[in-house]
């Protein structure tokens, strides 16, 4: 796979949310607003990129039998850094995201990329993989949160966009709304992919 494709695969072809359907727990819980989505997406991107780099650097020195615990320790270290920075500089966002920042440690996207990719590839390829997958996850969260916030609150990034006469569809900021939004978006991307393949 070329370096460009290595980076771009996470944005669409292997998008963690829309194509692989991984890491849905934080997506469902924290995509009620675009602000939350940007915060969670940025935190996940940082942890994914940083852990990919470190795992790739130490891959030959880690015995196979203990690789998963070592990878989790690496990931947990970067999650702790994110938690401390967010609590110190963005306390409102930290409070809004709550325990879901800590749960990045067990996010299957991050551990999956460490095990399936970074532990088998060079640092540069691992950086491209981490950036692509992290940006793909963040973009998916922002797209989902955009629909949920606009339909559920009539705002985008807290700014009213549909006027005072708009009657919010409250279900979209509740858990069922997250499932509906993700379901429709995954359905759209599956339809788009089937049309694309049919056109070849």
Protein backbone atom coordinates (compact mmCIF):
# COMPACT_ATOMS: atom_id res chain seq x y z
CA UNK A 1 0.00 0.00 0.00
CA UNK A 2 1.35 3.43 -0.92
CA UNK A 3 2.02 6.02 1.79
CA UNK A 4 -0.85 8.20 0.57
CA UNK A 5 -3.30 5.30 0.72
CA UNK A 6 -1.94 4.37 4.17
CA UNK A 7 -3.03 7.79 5.42
CA UNK A 8 -6.29 8.10 3.48
CA UNK A 9 -7.69 4.65 4.34
CA UNK A 10 -8.82 5.83 7.79
CA UNK A 11 -10.76 8.76 6.36
CA UNK A 12 -13.16 6.61 4.33
CA UNK A 13 -12.25 3.08 3.16
CA UNK A 14 -11.47 1.85 6.71
CA UNK A 15 -13.17 4.62 8.68
CA UNK A 16 -13.35 3.33 12.28
CA UNK A 17 -16.97 4.41 12.81
CA UNK A 18 -18.74 4.30 9.44
CA UNK A 19 -16.94 1.36 7.83
CA UNK A 20 -15.47 -0.78 10.66
CA UNK A 21 -18.03 0.22 13.32
CA UNK A 22 -15.42 0.38 16.10
CA UNK A 23 -15.32 2.67 19.12
CA UNK A 24 -19.07 3.30 19.04
CA UNK A 25 -19.44 3.64 22.82
CA UNK A 26 -17.75 7.08 23.09
CA UNK A 27 -19.37 8.14 19.81
CA UNK A 28 -22.86 7.38 21.12
CA UNK A 29 -22.23 8.99 24.50
CA UNK A 30 -20.29 12.14 23.64
CA UNK A 31 -21.61 13.24 20.24
CA UNK A 32 -24.46 15.34 21.66
CA UNK A 33 -22.63 18.52 20.63
CA UNK A 34 -19.93 19.44 18.11
CA UNK A 35 -17.83 20.88 20.94
CA UNK A 36 -17.79 17.50 22.71
CA UNK A 37 -17.08 15.71 19.42
CA UNK A 38 -14.06 17.92 18.71
CA UNK A 39 -12.76 17.34 22.25
CA UNK A 40 -13.18 13.56 22.18
CA UNK A 41 -11.94 13.31 18.59
CA UNK A 42 -8.81 15.35 19.37
CA UNK A 43 -8.09 13.34 22.52
CA UNK A 44 -8.47 10.05 20.64
CA UNK A 45 -6.30 11.30 17.77
CA UNK A 46 -3.51 12.31 20.17
CA UNK A 47 -3.58 8.98 22.04
CA UNK A 48 -3.79 6.93 18.85
CA UNK A 49 -0.94 8.76 17.14
CA UNK A 50 1.31 8.80 20.21
CA UNK A 51 0.73 5.15 21.10
CA UNK A 52 1.28 4.07 17.49
CA UNK A 53 4.67 5.81 17.49
CA UNK A 54 5.80 4.29 20.80
CA UNK A 55 4.51 0.79 20.00
CA UNK A 56 6.30 0.88 16.65
CA UNK A 57 9.53 2.01 18.35
CA UNK A 58 9.47 -0.76 20.99
CA UNK A 59 7.90 -3.54 18.89
CA UNK A 60 11.10 -5.58 18.52
CA UNK A 61 12.00 -5.30 22.20
CA UNK A 62 8.64 -6.46 23.60
CA UNK A 63 8.23 -10.26 24.05
CA UNK A 64 5.16 -11.56 22.28
CA UNK A 65 3.60 -13.04 25.43
CA UNK A 66 3.34 -9.67 27.20
CA UNK A 67 2.74 -7.37 24.25
CA UNK A 68 -0.93 -6.60 25.05
CA UNK A 69 -0.28 -5.50 28.68
CA UNK A 70 2.67 -3.40 27.45
CA UNK A 71 0.52 -1.78 24.76
CA UNK A 72 -2.19 -0.99 27.33
CA UNK A 73 0.38 0.66 29.62
CA UNK A 74 1.62 2.78 26.71
CA UNK A 75 -1.94 3.80 25.81
CA UNK A 76 -2.84 4.50 29.47
CA UNK A 77 0.17 6.80 29.79
CA UNK A 78 -1.02 9.01 26.94
CA UNK A 79 -4.63 8.93 28.18
CA UNK A 80 -3.39 10.20 31.56
CA UNK A 81 -1.56 13.05 29.81
CA UNK A 82 -4.74 13.96 27.91
CA UNK A 83 -6.82 13.84 31.10
CA UNK A 84 -4.43 16.13 32.97
CA UNK A 85 -4.12 18.64 30.10
CA UNK A 86 -7.87 18.71 29.53
CA UNK A 87 -8.64 19.12 33.25
CA UNK A 88 -6.06 21.91 33.53
CA UNK A 89 -6.81 23.90 30.38
CA UNK A 90 -10.35 22.89 29.37
CA UNK A 91 -12.19 22.11 32.64
CA UNK A 92 -15.69 22.56 31.20
CA UNK A 93 -14.96 20.14 28.36
CA UNK A 94 -13.29 17.72 30.77
CA UNK A 95 -16.40 17.75 32.98
CA UNK A 96 -18.69 17.31 29.97
CA UNK A 97 -16.78 14.28 28.64
CA UNK A 98 -16.39 12.79 32.12
CA UNK A 99 -15.18 9.20 32.36
CA UNK A 100 -15.17 8.72 28.60
CA UNK A 101 -11.69 10.26 28.44
CA UNK A 102 -10.42 7.54 30.81
CA UNK A 103 -12.16 4.89 28.73
CA UNK A 104 -9.98 5.76 25.73
CA UNK A 105 -7.57 3.24 27.30
CA UNK A 106 -9.85 0.38 26.26
CA UNK A 107 -11.03 1.89 22.98
CA UNK A 108 -10.79 -0.97 20.50
CA UNK A 109 -9.62 1.35 17.72
CA UNK A 110 -6.45 2.30 19.60
CA UNK A 111 -5.57 -1.16 20.89
CA UNK A 112 -6.49 -2.65 17.53
CA UNK A 113 -4.17 -0.31 15.61
CA UNK A 114 -1.36 -0.95 18.11
CA UNK A 115 -1.73 -4.73 17.77
CA UNK A 116 -2.62 -5.03 14.08
CA UNK A 117 -0.50 -2.26 12.60
CA UNK A 118 2.04 -0.40 14.75
CA UNK A 119 3.53 -3.60 16.18
CA UNK A 120 4.28 -4.81 12.66
CA UNK A 121 5.27 -1.65 10.77
CA UNK A 122 7.82 1.16 10.72
CA UNK A 123 7.42 4.35 12.73
CA UNK A 124 6.63 6.46 9.65
CA UNK A 125 3.89 4.11 8.44
CA UNK A 126 2.54 3.94 12.00
CA UNK A 127 2.37 7.75 12.10
CA UNK A 128 0.41 7.81 8.83
CA UNK A 129 -1.91 5.07 10.10
CA UNK A 130 -2.47 6.85 13.42
CA UNK A 131 -3.14 10.20 11.75
CA UNK A 132 -5.52 8.72 9.19
CA UNK A 133 -7.48 6.59 11.65
CA UNK A 134 -7.54 9.35 14.28
CA UNK A 135 -8.75 11.99 11.81
CA UNK A 136 -11.30 9.53 10.41
CA UNK A 137 -12.66 8.93 13.91
CA UNK A 138 -12.72 12.66 14.73
CA UNK A 139 -14.45 13.55 11.44
CA UNK A 140 -17.05 10.82 11.97
CA UNK A 141 -17.76 12.17 15.46
CA UNK A 142 -18.10 15.74 14.16
CA UNK A 143 -20.48 14.66 11.36
CA UNK A 144 -22.66 12.71 13.81
CA UNK A 145 -22.59 15.52 16.39
CA UNK A 146 -23.50 18.10 13.71
CA UNK A 147 -26.72 16.26 12.87
CA UNK A 148 -27.55 15.62 16.53
CA UNK A 149 -26.87 19.16 17.73
CA UNK A 150 -28.68 20.89 14.86
CA UNK A 151 -31.75 18.64 15.01
CA UNK A 152 -31.78 18.26 18.80
CA UNK A 153 -30.92 21.83 19.84
CA UNK A 154 -31.14 23.96 16.72
CA UNK A 155 -27.53 25.05 17.26
CA UNK A 156 -24.06 24.30 15.89
CA UNK A 157 -21.12 24.85 18.26
CA UNK A 158 -23.66 26.51 20.51
CA UNK A 159 -24.63 29.09 17.84
CA UNK A 160 -28.34 29.14 16.86
CA UNK A 161 -28.67 28.18 13.19
CA UNK A 162 -32.35 27.36 12.64
CA UNK A 163 -33.98 30.46 14.16
CA UNK A 164 -36.22 30.94 17.16
CA UNK A 165 -39.23 29.32 15.50
CA UNK A 166 -37.46 25.93 15.22
CA UNK A 167 -38.87 23.30 17.54
CA UNK A 168 -35.96 20.97 18.51
CA UNK A 169 -36.38 17.23 17.97
CA UNK A 170 -35.28 16.25 21.48
CA UNK A 171 -34.77 12.57 20.67
CA UNK A 172 -31.60 13.46 18.74
CA UNK A 173 -29.75 14.57 21.87
CA UNK A 174 -30.80 11.40 23.69
CA UNK A 175 -29.33 7.91 23.29
CA UNK A 176 -31.93 6.72 20.74
CA UNK A 177 -31.05 9.74 18.59
CA UNK A 178 -27.41 8.66 18.53
CA UNK A 179 -28.40 5.20 17.27
CA UNK A 180 -30.72 6.69 14.64
CA UNK A 181 -28.09 9.14 13.39
CA UNK A 182 -25.30 6.56 13.21
CA UNK A 183 -27.64 4.03 11.58
CA UNK A 184 -28.73 6.43 8.83
CA UNK A 185 -25.15 7.58 8.20
CA UNK A 186 -23.79 4.03 8.03
CA UNK A 187 -26.67 3.14 5.69
CA UNK A 188 -25.79 6.13 3.49
CA UNK A 189 -22.10 5.17 3.31
CA UNK A 190 -22.98 1.54 2.52
CA UNK A 191 -25.33 2.71 -0.25
CA UNK A 192 -22.64 5.06 -1.58
CA UNK A 193 -20.04 2.26 -1.56
CA UNK A 194 -22.39 -0.16 -3.37
CA UNK A 195 -23.07 2.46 -6.05
CA UNK A 196 -19.34 3.14 -6.38
CA UNK A 197 -18.54 -0.56 -6.78
CA UNK A 198 -21.41 -1.05 -9.24
CA UNK A 199 -20.01 1.74 -11.40
CA UNK A 200 -16.63 0.04 -11.81
